[in-house]
Protein backbone atom coordinates (compact mmCIF):
# COMPACT_ATOMS: atom_id res chain seq x y z
CA MET A 1 -92.80 -54.21 -15.68
CA VAL A 2 -93.15 -52.79 -19.64
CA ILE A 3 -94.99 -49.91 -18.45
CA ALA A 4 -92.65 -49.49 -15.31
CA SER A 5 -89.49 -49.52 -17.97
CA TYR A 6 -91.02 -46.89 -20.05
CA LEU A 7 -92.17 -44.61 -16.98
CA MET A 8 -88.84 -45.23 -15.11
CA ASN A 9 -85.95 -44.11 -17.17
CA ASP A 10 -83.02 -41.15 -16.71
CA GLY A 11 -84.96 -38.87 -18.51
CA SER A 12 -88.12 -38.88 -16.37
CA HIS A 13 -89.40 -36.41 -13.94
CA ALA A 14 -89.04 -37.72 -10.61
CA GLY A 15 -92.76 -37.57 -9.62
CA ILE A 16 -93.14 -39.84 -12.92
CA MET A 17 -90.94 -42.37 -11.72
CA VAL A 18 -92.38 -42.34 -8.07
CA ALA A 19 -96.00 -42.60 -9.71
CA GLY A 20 -94.71 -45.51 -12.18
CA PHE A 21 -93.02 -47.28 -8.99
CA LEU A 22 -96.02 -46.89 -7.01
CA LEU A 23 -98.37 -48.40 -9.72
CA THR A 24 -95.86 -51.29 -9.92
CA LEU A 25 -96.16 -51.90 -6.24
CA ALA A 26 -99.94 -51.62 -6.64
CA ALA A 27 -99.98 -54.41 -9.26
CA VAL A 28 -97.71 -56.67 -6.96
CA LEU A 29 -100.14 -56.38 -4.23
CA VAL A 30 -103.11 -57.19 -6.49
CA GLY A 31 -101.20 -60.36 -7.57
CA LEU A 32 -100.42 -61.15 -4.05
CA ILE A 33 -103.96 -60.62 -2.69
CA ASN A 34 -105.20 -63.17 -5.65
CA GLY A 35 -102.37 -65.68 -4.73
CA VAL A 36 -103.53 -65.74 -1.28
CA LEU A 37 -107.16 -66.23 -2.29
CA ILE A 38 -106.13 -68.94 -4.16
CA GLY A 39 -103.54 -70.39 -1.99
CA PHE A 40 -104.77 -70.10 1.33
CA ALA A 41 -108.68 -69.39 0.99
CA ASN A 42 -109.21 -72.55 -1.31
CA PHE A 43 -110.52 -70.06 -4.04
CA THR A 44 -110.24 -71.31 -7.83
CA PRO A 45 -108.10 -69.26 -9.76
CA VAL A 46 -111.03 -68.09 -12.15
CA ALA A 47 -112.75 -67.47 -9.22
CA ALA A 48 -110.27 -65.02 -7.63
CA THR A 49 -109.44 -63.54 -10.79
CA LEU A 50 -112.84 -62.67 -11.54
CA ALA A 51 -113.22 -61.34 -7.76
CA MET A 52 -110.65 -59.12 -8.28
CA PHE A 53 -111.89 -58.06 -11.38
CA ILE A 54 -115.10 -56.97 -9.82
CA GLY A 55 -113.97 -55.60 -6.59
CA LEU A 56 -111.18 -53.17 -8.17
CA PRO A 57 -113.18 -51.03 -9.85
CA GLY A 58 -116.10 -51.14 -7.02
CA PHE A 59 -112.92 -49.96 -5.15
CA SER A 60 -113.05 -46.74 -7.00
CA PHE A 61 -116.08 -45.71 -5.64
CA LEU A 62 -114.53 -45.37 -2.16
CA LEU A 63 -112.09 -42.50 -4.14
CA ARG A 64 -114.73 -41.10 -6.20
CA ASP A 65 -118.16 -39.28 -5.77
CA SER A 66 -119.66 -40.72 -9.20
CA PRO A 67 -118.27 -43.13 -11.61
CA ARG A 68 -117.34 -39.86 -14.00
CA GLY A 69 -115.64 -38.57 -10.56
CA GLY A 70 -117.32 -35.33 -10.26
CA SER A 71 -120.73 -34.77 -8.34
CA LEU A 72 -123.58 -34.95 -10.96
């Protein structure tokens, strides 16, 4: 929310405001997934956090060809 408060103000370009809103929604979604893992899948909070910590950077490989973002 602190980052969103810097991005989503009256003087911001509409694209930056939309990006800030989408990033905030993504953060809420990650928190909800952690909550579901803890509440319903009987993960311990540490295991759910570590799984998300490892899984989110791994998810970036679906979006990029290589770790640097371009083909080597």
